[in-house]
PDB file of N, CA and C in Angstrom:
ATOM      1  N   UNK A   1     -32.616 -43.636   4.809  1.00  0.00           N
ATOM      2  CA  UNK A   1     -31.475 -43.400   5.895  1.00  0.00           C
ATOM      3  C   UNK A   1     -30.857 -41.825   4.871  1.00  0.00           C
ATOM      4  N   UNK A   2     -30.858 -40.567   5.726  1.00  0.00           N
ATOM      5  CA  UNK A   2     -30.158 -39.570   5.278  1.00  0.00           C
ATOM      6  C   UNK A   2     -28.967 -39.688   4.782  1.00  0.00           C
ATOM      7  N   UNK A   3     -28.315 -38.983   4.169  1.00  0.00           N
ATOM      8  CA  UNK A   3     -27.212 -39.076   3.235  1.00  0.00           C
ATOM      9  C   UNK A   3     -26.659 -37.762   3.210  1.00  0.00           C
ATOM     10  N   UNK A   4     -25.255 -37.655   3.535  1.00  0.00           N
ATOM     11  CA  UNK A   4     -24.246 -35.946   3.171  1.00  0.00           C
ATOM     12  C   UNK A   4     -23.624 -36.147   2.130  1.00  0.00           C
ATOM     13  N   UNK A   5     -23.451 -35.278   1.244  1.00  0.00           N
ATOM     14  CA  UNK A   5     -22.746 -35.018  -0.095  1.00  0.00           C
ATOM     15  C   UNK A   5     -21.599 -34.780   0.563  1.00  0.00           C
ATOM     16  N   UNK A   6     -20.662 -35.508  -0.486  1.00  0.00           N
ATOM     17  CA  UNK A   6     -19.241 -35.290  -0.171  1.00  0.00           C
ATOM     18  C   UNK A   6     -18.424 -33.775   0.257  1.00  0.00           C
ATOM     19  N   UNK A   7     -19.134 -32.909  -0.415  1.00  0.00           N
ATOM     20  CA  UNK A   7     -18.560 -31.329  -0.232  1.00  0.00           C
ATOM     21  C   UNK A   7     -19.009 -31.104   1.019  1.00  0.00           C
ATOM     22  N   UNK A   8     -20.214 -31.333   1.619  1.00  0.00           N
ATOM     23  CA  UNK A   8     -20.932 -30.834   2.707  1.00  0.00           C
ATOM     24  C   UNK A   8     -19.795 -31.744   3.858  1.00  0.00           C
ATOM     25  N   UNK A   9     -19.191 -32.998   3.838  1.00  0.00           N
ATOM     26  CA  UNK A   9     -18.431 -33.748   4.734  1.00  0.00           C
ATOM     27  C   UNK A   9     -17.189 -33.328   4.834  1.00  0.00           C
ATOM     28  N   UNK A  10     -16.713 -32.882   3.334  1.00  0.00           N
ATOM     29  CA  UNK A  10     -15.465 -32.176   3.449  1.00  0.00           C
ATOM     30  C   UNK A  10     -15.356 -30.944   4.214  1.00  0.00           C
ATOM     31  N   UNK A  11     -16.124 -30.056   4.001  1.00  0.00           N
ATOM     32  CA  UNK A  11     -16.211 -28.613   4.680  1.00  0.00           C
ATOM     33  C   UNK A  11     -16.832 -29.265   6.179  1.00  0.00           C
ATOM     34  N   UNK A  12     -17.296 -29.793   6.600  1.00  0.00           N
ATOM     35  CA  UNK A  12     -18.062 -30.174   8.131  1.00  0.00           C
ATOM     36  C   UNK A  12     -16.664 -30.474   8.993  1.00  0.00           C
ATOM     37  N   UNK A  13     -15.965 -31.265   7.984  1.00  0.00           N
ATOM     38  CA  UNK A  13     -14.570 -31.842   8.771  1.00  0.00           C
ATOM     39  C   UNK A  13     -13.412 -31.065   8.822  1.00  0.00           C
ATOM     40  N   UNK A  14     -13.428 -29.907   8.013  1.00  0.00           N
ATOM     41  CA  UNK A  14     -12.030 -29.282   7.898  1.00  0.00           C
ATOM     42  C   UNK A  14     -11.120 -29.706   6.950  1.00  0.00           C
ATOM     43  N   UNK A  15     -11.639 -30.780   6.175  1.00  0.00           N
ATOM     44  CA  UNK A  15     -10.560 -31.207   5.413  1.00  0.00           C
ATOM     45  C   UNK A  15     -10.857 -30.656   3.640  1.00  0.00           C
ATOM     46  N   UNK A  16     -10.096 -31.062   2.711  1.00  0.00           N
ATOM     47  CA  UNK A  16     -10.567 -30.565   1.506  1.00  0.00           C
ATOM     48  C   UNK A  16     -11.233 -31.946   0.907  1.00  0.00           C
ATOM     49  N   UNK A  17     -11.950 -31.216  -0.157  1.00  0.00           N
ATOM     50  CA  UNK A  17     -12.713 -32.509  -1.084  1.00  0.00           C
ATOM     51  C   UNK A  17     -11.894 -33.825  -1.401  1.00  0.00           C
ATOM     52  N   UNK A  18     -10.468 -33.414  -1.780  1.00  0.00           N
ATOM     53  CA  UNK A  18      -9.313 -34.399  -2.334  1.00  0.00           C
ATOM     54  C   UNK A  18      -9.090 -35.181  -0.988  1.00  0.00           C
ATOM     55  N   UNK A  19      -9.004 -34.579  -0.264  1.00  0.00           N
ATOM     56  CA  UNK A  19      -8.450 -35.399   1.135  1.00  0.00           C
ATOM     57  C   UNK A  19      -9.620 -36.866   1.528  1.00  0.00           C
ATOM     58  N   UNK A  20     -10.893 -36.221   1.524  1.00  0.00           N
ATOM     59  CA  UNK A  20     -11.950 -37.029   1.421  1.00  0.00           C
ATOM     60  C   UNK A  20     -11.850 -38.079   0.551  1.00  0.00           C
ATOM     61  N   UNK A  21     -11.884 -37.843  -0.491  1.00  0.00           N
ATOM     62  CA  UNK A  21     -11.868 -38.961  -1.942  1.00  0.00           C
ATOM     63  C   UNK A  21     -10.629 -39.687  -1.337  1.00  0.00           C
ATOM     64  N   UNK A  22      -9.551 -39.373  -1.337  1.00  0.00           N
ATOM     65  CA  UNK A  22      -8.587 -39.921  -0.588  1.00  0.00           C
ATOM     66  C   UNK A  22      -8.772 -40.828   0.557  1.00  0.00           C
ATOM     67  N   UNK A  23      -9.224 -40.631   1.462  1.00  0.00           N
ATOM     68  CA  UNK A  23      -9.607 -41.518   2.727  1.00  0.00           C
ATOM     69  C   UNK A  23     -10.472 -42.267   2.219  1.00  0.00           C
ATOM     70  N   UNK A  24     -11.796 -42.035   1.261  1.00  0.00           N
ATOM     71  CA  UNK A  24     -12.525 -42.878   0.790  1.00  0.00           C
ATOM     72  C   UNK A  24     -11.695 -43.928  -0.108  1.00  0.00           C
ATOM     73  N   UNK A  25     -10.729 -43.648  -1.022  1.00  0.00           N
ATOM     74  CA  UNK A  25     -10.279 -44.782  -1.961  1.00  0.00           C
ATOM     75  C   UNK A  25      -9.168 -45.695  -0.908  1.00  0.00           C
ATOM     76  N   UNK A  26      -8.726 -45.183  -0.003  1.00  0.00           N
ATOM     77  CA  UNK A  26      -8.208 -45.756   0.911  1.00  0.00           C
ATOM     78  C   UNK A  26      -8.753 -46.849   1.905  1.00  0.00           C
ATOM     79  N   UNK A  27      -9.919 -46.814   1.703  1.00  0.00           N
ATOM     80  CA  UNK A  27     -10.968 -47.488   2.587  1.00  0.00           C
ATOM     81  C   UNK A  27     -11.358 -47.154   4.130  1.00  0.00           C
ATOM     82  N   UNK A  28     -10.605 -45.775   4.368  1.00  0.00           N
ATOM     83  CA  UNK A  28     -10.895 -45.452   5.695  1.00  0.00           C
ATOM     84  C   UNK A  28     -12.356 -44.660   5.963  1.00  0.00           C
ATOM     85  N   UNK A  29     -12.807 -44.151   4.857  1.00  0.00           N
ATOM     86  CA  UNK A  29     -14.380 -43.772   5.054  1.00  0.00           C
ATOM     87  C   UNK A  29     -14.994 -44.629   3.794  1.00  0.00           C
ATOM     88  N   UNK A  30     -16.199 -44.819   4.208  1.00  0.00           N
ATOM     89  CA  UNK A  30     -17.183 -45.690   3.383  1.00  0.00           C
ATOM     90  C   UNK A  30     -18.052 -44.849   2.735  1.00  0.00           C
ATOM     91  N   UNK A  31     -18.101 -44.632   1.560  1.00  0.00           N
ATOM     92  CA  UNK A  31     -19.506 -43.446   0.983  1.00  0.00           C
ATOM     93  C   UNK A  31     -20.548 -44.657   0.805  1.00  0.00           C
ATOM     94  N   UNK A  32     -21.962 -44.524   0.986  1.00  0.00           N
ATOM     95  CA  UNK A  32     -22.676 -45.008   0.824  1.00  0.00           C
ATOM     96  C   UNK A  32     -22.883 -45.153  -0.637  1.00  0.00           C
ATOM     97  N   UNK A  33     -23.199 -44.291  -1.397  1.00  0.00           N
ATOM     98  CA  UNK A  33     -23.570 -44.577  -2.844  1.00  0.00           C
ATOM     99  C   UNK A  33     -22.350 -43.687  -3.809  1.00  0.00           C
ATOM    100  N   UNK A  34     -22.169 -44.141  -4.985  1.00  0.00           N
ATOM    101  CA  UNK A  34     -21.499 -43.265  -5.726  1.00  0.00           C
ATOM    102  C   UNK A  34     -19.968 -44.105  -5.866  1.00  0.00           C
ATOM    103  N   UNK A  35     -19.580 -44.997  -5.323  1.00  0.00           N
ATOM    104  CA  UNK A  35     -18.318 -45.323  -4.997  1.00  0.00           C
ATOM    105  C   UNK A  35     -17.867 -46.360  -6.272  1.00  0.00           C
ATOM    106  N   UNK A  36     -18.984 -46.930  -7.137  1.00  0.00           N
ATOM    107  CA  UNK A  36     -18.970 -48.009  -7.719  1.00  0.00           C
ATOM    108  C   UNK A  36     -19.179 -47.262  -9.432  1.00  0.00           C
ATOM    109  N   UNK A  37     -19.512 -45.898  -9.265  1.00  0.00           N
ATOM    110  CA  UNK A  37     -19.796 -45.363 -10.521  1.00  0.00           C
ATOM    111  C   UNK A  37     -18.349 -44.751 -11.189  1.00  0.00           C
ATOM    112  N   UNK A  38     -18.058 -45.415 -12.469  1.00  0.00           N
ATOM    113  CA  UNK A  38     -16.654 -45.124 -12.887  1.00  0.00           C
ATOM    114  C   UNK A  38     -17.080 -43.484 -13.605  1.00  0.00           C
ATOM    115  N   UNK A  39     -15.659 -43.106 -13.729  1.00  0.00           N
ATOM    116  CA  UNK A  39     -15.370 -41.948 -14.320  1.00  0.00           C
ATOM    117  C   UNK A  39     -15.136 -40.645 -13.311  1.00  0.00           C
ATOM    118  N   UNK A  40     -15.352 -39.606 -13.493  1.00  0.00           N
ATOM    119  CA  UNK A  40     -15.723 -38.061 -12.913  1.00  0.00           C
ATOM    120  C   UNK A  40     -16.844 -38.043 -12.779  1.00  0.00           C
ATOM    121  N   UNK A  41     -17.627 -37.036 -12.078  1.00  0.00           N
ATOM    122  CA  UNK A  41     -18.726 -36.734 -12.067  1.00  0.00           C
ATOM    123  C   UNK A  41     -19.900 -36.876 -11.429  1.00  0.00           C
ATOM    124  N   UNK A  42     -19.330 -38.281 -10.792  1.00  0.00           N
ATOM    125  CA  UNK A  42     -20.212 -38.957 -10.000  1.00  0.00           C
ATOM    126  C   UNK A  42     -20.097 -38.334  -8.328  1.00  0.00           C
ATOM    127  N   UNK A  43     -20.907 -38.008  -7.873  1.00  0.00           N
ATOM    128  CA  UNK A  43     -20.508 -37.153  -6.515  1.00  0.00           C
ATOM    129  C   UNK A  43     -21.121 -38.493  -5.257  1.00  0.00           C
ATOM    130  N   UNK A  44     -20.043 -38.559  -4.405  1.00  0.00           N
ATOM    131  CA  UNK A  44     -20.200 -39.695  -3.090  1.00  0.00           C
ATOM    132  C   UNK A  44     -21.435 -38.962  -2.325  1.00  0.00           C
ATOM    133  N   UNK A  45     -22.046 -40.121  -1.526  1.00  0.00           N
ATOM    134  CA  UNK A  45     -22.584 -39.519  -0.576  1.00  0.00           C
ATOM    135  C   UNK A  45     -22.183 -40.555   0.595  1.00  0.00           C
ATOM    136  N   UNK A  46     -22.504 -39.937   2.150  1.00  0.00           N
ATOM    137  CA  UNK A  46     -22.089 -40.372   3.233  1.00  0.00           C
ATOM    138  C   UNK A  46     -23.147 -40.751   4.090  1.00  0.00           C
ATOM    139  N   UNK A  47     -23.079 -41.447   4.610  1.00  0.00           N
ATOM    140  CA  UNK A  47     -24.070 -41.505   6.229  1.00  0.00           C
ATOM    141  C   UNK A  47     -24.001 -40.538   7.077  1.00  0.00           C
ATOM    142  N   UNK A  48     -24.919 -40.441   7.566  1.00  0.00           N
ATOM    143  CA  UNK A  48     -24.535 -39.175   8.998  1.00  0.00           C
ATOM    144  C   UNK A  48     -23.431 -40.048   9.823  1.00  0.00           C
ATOM    145  N   UNK A  49     -23.685 -41.338  10.071  1.00  0.00           N
ATOM    146  CA  UNK A  49     -22.309 -41.858  10.923  1.00  0.00           C
ATOM    147  C   UNK A  49     -21.171 -41.795  10.366  1.00  0.00           C
ATOM    148  N   UNK A  50     -20.983 -42.028   8.745  1.00  0.00           N
ATOM    149  CA  UNK A  50     -19.515 -41.528   8.147  1.00  0.00           C
ATOM    150  C   UNK A  50     -19.379 -40.444   8.213  1.00  0.00           C
ATOM    151  N   UNK A  51     -20.092 -39.452   8.369  1.00  0.00           N
ATOM    152  CA  UNK A  51     -20.036 -37.977   8.323  1.00  0.00           C
ATOM    153  C   UNK A  51     -19.150 -37.821   9.471  1.00  0.00           C
ATOM    154  N   UNK A  52     -19.683 -38.278  10.864  1.00  0.00           N
ATOM    155  CA  UNK A  52     -19.038 -37.776  11.999  1.00  0.00           C
ATOM    156  C   UNK A  52     -17.633 -38.720  12.337  1.00  0.00           C
ATOM    157  N   UNK A  53     -17.885 -39.744  11.227  1.00  0.00           N
ATOM    158  CA  UNK A  53     -15.860 -40.396  11.657  1.00  0.00           C
ATOM    159  C   UNK A  53     -15.253 -39.619  10.764  1.00  0.00           C
ATOM    160  N   UNK A  54     -15.563 -39.109   9.660  1.00  0.00           N
ATOM    161  CA  UNK A  54     -14.530 -37.957   8.754  1.00  0.00           C
ATOM    162  C   UNK A  54     -14.668 -36.722   9.699  1.00  0.00           C
ATOM    163  N   UNK A  55     -15.392 -36.119  10.311  1.00  0.00           N
ATOM    164  CA  UNK A  55     -14.972 -35.206  11.366  1.00  0.00           C
ATOM    165  C   UNK A  55     -13.967 -35.613  12.227  1.00  0.00           C
ATOM    166  N   UNK A  56     -14.292 -36.313  12.736  1.00  0.00           N
ATOM    167  CA  UNK A  56     -13.381 -36.793  14.033  1.00  0.00           C
ATOM    168  C   UNK A  56     -11.928 -37.260  13.174  1.00  0.00           C
ATOM    169  N   UNK A  57     -11.953 -37.786  12.172  1.00  0.00           N
ATOM    170  CA  UNK A  57     -10.518 -37.736  11.850  1.00  0.00           C
ATOM    171  C   UNK A  57      -9.907 -36.588  11.059  1.00  0.00           C
ATOM    172  N   UNK A  58     -10.814 -35.616  10.671  1.00  0.00           N
ATOM    173  CA  UNK A  58     -10.205 -34.520  10.522  1.00  0.00           C
ATOM    174  C   UNK A  58      -9.378 -33.673  11.790  1.00  0.00           C
ATOM    175  N   UNK A  59     -10.290 -33.941  12.823  1.00  0.00           N
ATOM    176  CA  UNK A  59      -9.707 -33.064  13.871  1.00  0.00           C
ATOM    177  C   UNK A  59      -8.707 -33.849  14.309  1.00  0.00           C
ATOM    178  N   UNK A  60      -8.345 -35.386  14.226  1.00  0.00           N
ATOM    179  CA  UNK A  60      -7.176 -35.944  14.781  1.00  0.00           C
ATOM    180  C   UNK A  60      -6.218 -35.774  13.535  1.00  0.00           C
ATOM    181  N   UNK A  61      -6.593 -35.711  12.492  1.00  0.00           N
ATOM    182  CA  UNK A  61      -5.315 -35.108  11.404  1.00  0.00           C
ATOM    183  C   UNK A  61      -4.729 -33.933  11.706  1.00  0.00           C
ATOM    184  N   UNK A  62      -5.638 -33.268  12.006  1.00  0.00           N
ATOM    185  CA  UNK A  62      -5.347 -31.496  12.207  1.00  0.00           C
ATOM    186  C   UNK A  62      -4.132 -31.612  13.487  1.00  0.00           C
ATOM    187  N   UNK A  63      -4.441 -32.479  14.494  1.00  0.00           N
ATOM    188  CA  UNK A  63      -3.646 -32.590  15.555  1.00  0.00           C
ATOM    189  C   UNK A  63      -2.634 -33.166  15.861  1.00  0.00           C
ATOM    190  N   UNK A  64      -1.955 -33.986  14.225  1.00  0.00           N
ATOM    191  CA  UNK A  64      -0.866 -34.446  14.242  1.00  0.00           C
ATOM    192  C   UNK A  64      -1.128 -36.196  14.367  1.00  0.00           C
ATOM    193  N   UNK A  65      -2.072 -36.672  14.157  1.00  0.00           N
ATOM    194  CA  UNK A  65      -2.333 -38.270  14.045  1.00  0.00           C
ATOM    195  C   UNK A  65      -2.373 -38.461  12.428  1.00  0.00           C
ATOM    196  N   UNK A  66      -1.639 -39.457  12.295  1.00  0.00           N
ATOM    197  CA  UNK A  66      -1.903 -39.848  10.589  1.00  0.00           C
ATOM    198  C   UNK A  66      -2.990 -40.646  10.554  1.00  0.00           C
ATOM    199  N   UNK A  67      -3.452 -40.198   8.989  1.00  0.00           N
ATOM    200  CA  UNK A  67      -4.585 -40.377   8.614  1.00  0.00           C
ATOM    201  C   UNK A  67      -5.106 -41.756   8.833  1.00  0.00           C
ATOM    202  N   UNK A  68      -4.351 -42.930   8.611  1.00  0.00           N
ATOM    203  CA  UNK A  68      -4.931 -44.193   9.185  1.00  0.00           C
ATOM    204  C   UNK A  68      -5.137 -44.821  10.732  1.00  0.00           C
ATOM    205  N   UNK A  69      -3.973 -44.170  11.468  1.00  0.00           N
ATOM    206  CA  UNK A  69      -4.440 -44.397  12.975  1.00  0.00           C
ATOM    207  C   UNK A  69      -5.534 -43.226  13.088  1.00  0.00           C
ATOM    208  N   UNK A  70      -5.814 -42.221  12.775  1.00  0.00           N
ATOM    209  CA  UNK A  70      -7.243 -41.065  12.614  1.00  0.00           C
ATOM    210  C   UNK A  70      -7.957 -42.188  12.589  1.00  0.00           C
ATOM    211  N   UNK A  71      -8.306 -42.469  11.382  1.00  0.00           N
ATOM    212  CA  UNK A  71      -9.457 -43.647  11.237  1.00  0.00           C
ATOM    213  C   UNK A  71      -9.635 -44.414  12.096  1.00  0.00           C
ATOM    214  N   UNK A  72      -8.954 -45.235  12.709  1.00  0.00           N
ATOM    215  CA  UNK A  72      -8.923 -46.452  13.766  1.00  0.00           C
ATOM    216  C   UNK A  72      -9.462 -45.709  14.816  1.00  0.00           C
ATOM    217  N   UNK A  73      -8.992 -44.424  15.350  1.00  0.00           N
ATOM    218  CA  UNK A  73      -9.530 -43.585  16.723  1.00  0.00           C
ATOM    219  C   UNK A  73     -10.817 -43.374  16.375  1.00  0.00           C
ATOM    220  N   UNK A  74     -10.875 -42.819  14.961  1.00  0.00           N
ATOM    221  CA  UNK A  74     -12.213 -42.029  14.922  1.00  0.00           C
ATOM    222  C   UNK A  74     -13.720 -43.130  15.140  1.00  0.00           C
ATOM    223  N   UNK A  75     -13.217 -44.072  14.461  1.00  0.00           N
ATOM    224  CA  UNK A  75     -14.121 -45.336  14.445  1.00  0.00           C
ATOM    225  C   UNK A  75     -14.514 -46.093  15.781  1.00  0.00           C
ATOM    226  N   UNK A  76     -13.217 -45.977  16.940  1.00  0.00           N
ATOM    227  CA  UNK A  76     -13.608 -46.438  18.148  1.00  0.00           C
ATOM    228  C   UNK A  76     -14.333 -45.501  18.848  1.00  0.00           C
ATOM    229  N   UNK A  77     -14.351 -44.312  18.626  1.00  0.00           N
ATOM    230  CA  UNK A  77     -14.746 -43.226  19.408  1.00  0.00           C
ATOM    231  C   UNK A  77     -16.006 -43.087  18.791  1.00  0.00           C
ATOM    232  N   UNK A  78     -16.443 -43.379  17.575  1.00  0.00           N
ATOM    233  CA  UNK A  78     -18.012 -43.304  17.464  1.00  0.00           C
ATOM    234  C   UNK A  78     -18.542 -44.486  17.584  1.00  0.00           C
ATOM    235  N   UNK A  79     -17.955 -45.696  18.416  1.00  0.00           N
ATOM    236  CA  UNK A  79     -18.805 -46.851  18.537  1.00  0.00           C
ATOM    237  C   UNK A  79     -18.737 -46.270  20.461  1.00  0.00           C
ATOM    238  N   UNK A  80     -17.822 -46.073  20.842  1.00  0.00           N
ATOM    239  CA  UNK A  80     -17.631 -45.911  22.512  1.00  0.00           C
ATOM    240  C   UNK A  80     -17.696 -44.582  22.985  1.00  0.00           C
ATOM    241  N   UNK A  81     -17.543 -43.445  22.275  1.00  0.00           N
ATOM    242  CA  UNK A  81     -17.581 -42.227  22.720  1.00  0.00           C
ATOM    243  C   UNK A  81     -16.329 -41.760  23.126  1.00  0.00           C
ATOM    244  N   UNK A  82     -15.489 -42.603  23.595  1.00  0.00           N
ATOM    245  CA  UNK A  82     -14.205 -41.975  23.889  1.00  0.00           C
ATOM    246  C   UNK A  82     -13.211 -43.683  23.803  1.00  0.00           C
ATOM    247  N   UNK A  83     -11.941 -42.848  23.545  1.00  0.00           N
ATOM    248  CA  UNK A  83     -10.875 -44.544  23.351  1.00  0.00           C
ATOM    249  C   UNK A  83      -9.501 -43.816  24.782  1.00  0.00           C
ATOM    250  N   UNK A  84      -8.959 -44.603  25.216  1.00  0.00           N
ATOM    251  CA  UNK A  84      -7.627 -44.790  25.893  1.00  0.00           C
ATOM    252  C   UNK A  84      -6.516 -45.044  24.998  1.00  0.00           C
ATOM    253  N   UNK A  85      -5.653 -43.628  25.317  1.00  0.00           N
ATOM    254  CA  UNK A  85      -4.365 -43.737  24.695  1.00  0.00           C
ATOM    255  C   UNK A  85      -3.158 -43.599  25.938  1.00  0.00           C
ATOM    256  N   UNK A  86      -2.797 -44.842  26.453  1.00  0.00           N
ATOM    257  CA  UNK A  86      -1.805 -44.635  27.327  1.00  0.00           C
ATOM    258  C   UNK A  86      -2.456 -44.121  28.747  1.00  0.00           C
ATOM    259  N   UNK A  87      -1.786 -43.040  29.078  1.00  0.00           N
ATOM    260  CA  UNK A  87      -3.043 -42.486  30.612  1.00  0.00           C
ATOM    261  C   UNK A  87      -3.627 -41.381  29.942  1.00  0.00           C
ATOM    262  N   UNK A  88      -3.936 -41.146  28.888  1.00  0.00           N
ATOM    263  CA  UNK A  88      -4.610 -40.238  28.395  1.00  0.00           C
ATOM    264  C   UNK A  88      -6.380 -40.845  28.128  1.00  0.00           C
ATOM    265  N   UNK A  89      -7.506 -39.919  28.004  1.00  0.00           N
ATOM    266  CA  UNK A  89      -8.675 -40.369  27.405  1.00  0.00           C
ATOM    267  C   UNK A  89      -8.756 -39.643  26.275  1.00  0.00           C
ATOM    268  N   UNK A  90      -9.086 -40.026  24.930  1.00  0.00           N
ATOM    269  CA  UNK A  90      -9.404 -39.054  23.918  1.00  0.00           C
ATOM    270  C   UNK A  90     -11.090 -39.095  23.714  1.00  0.00           C
ATOM    271  N   UNK A  91     -11.768 -38.043  23.607  1.00  0.00           N
ATOM    272  CA  UNK A  91     -13.070 -38.257  23.612  1.00  0.00           C
ATOM    273  C   UNK A  91     -13.344 -36.712  22.442  1.00  0.00           C
ATOM    274  N   UNK A  92     -14.643 -36.796  22.171  1.00  0.00           N
ATOM    275  CA  UNK A  92     -14.872 -35.799  21.152  1.00  0.00           C
ATOM    276  C   UNK A  92     -14.360 -33.853  21.643  1.00  0.00           C
ATOM    277  N   UNK A  93     -14.265 -34.049  23.045  1.00  0.00           N
ATOM    278  CA  UNK A  93     -14.177 -32.703  23.653  1.00  0.00           C
ATOM    279  C   UNK A  93     -12.245 -32.765  23.816  1.00  0.00           C
ATOM    280  N   UNK A  94     -11.776 -33.671  23.546  1.00  0.00           N
ATOM    281  CA  UNK A  94     -10.198 -33.323  23.480  1.00  0.00           C
ATOM    282  C   UNK A  94      -9.429 -34.585  23.992  1.00  0.00           C
ATOM    283  N   UNK A  95      -8.314 -34.249  24.514  1.00  0.00           N
ATOM    284  CA  UNK A  95      -7.567 -35.126  25.637  1.00  0.00           C
ATOM    285  C   UNK A  95      -7.886 -34.838  26.794  1.00  0.00           C
ATOM    286  N   UNK A  96      -8.379 -35.696  27.635  1.00  0.00           N
ATOM    287  CA  UNK A  96      -8.332 -35.694  28.930  1.00  0.00           C
ATOM    288  C   UNK A  96      -7.355 -36.299  30.064  1.00  0.00           C
TER     289      UNK A  96
END
């Protein structure tokens, strides 16, 4: 399974590496390797699926959604392609 490095995920998501690290430590994102390694200097890697979740989260947070809520919405969007919010439908293309 191909993985994406943490810095590449952060850049692609429009967030800082520090945000990515924080979201991973909070459990909102799941690194595929490196999370059990103690100390600094060990770079995490993410599956392509998690990289896509991070990108969706980044967009949602940029638009004012809390990171915790963005994590939930990004996972729903990853499985269903879109999510209903009241009278709106949220998809990768934005709110419809």
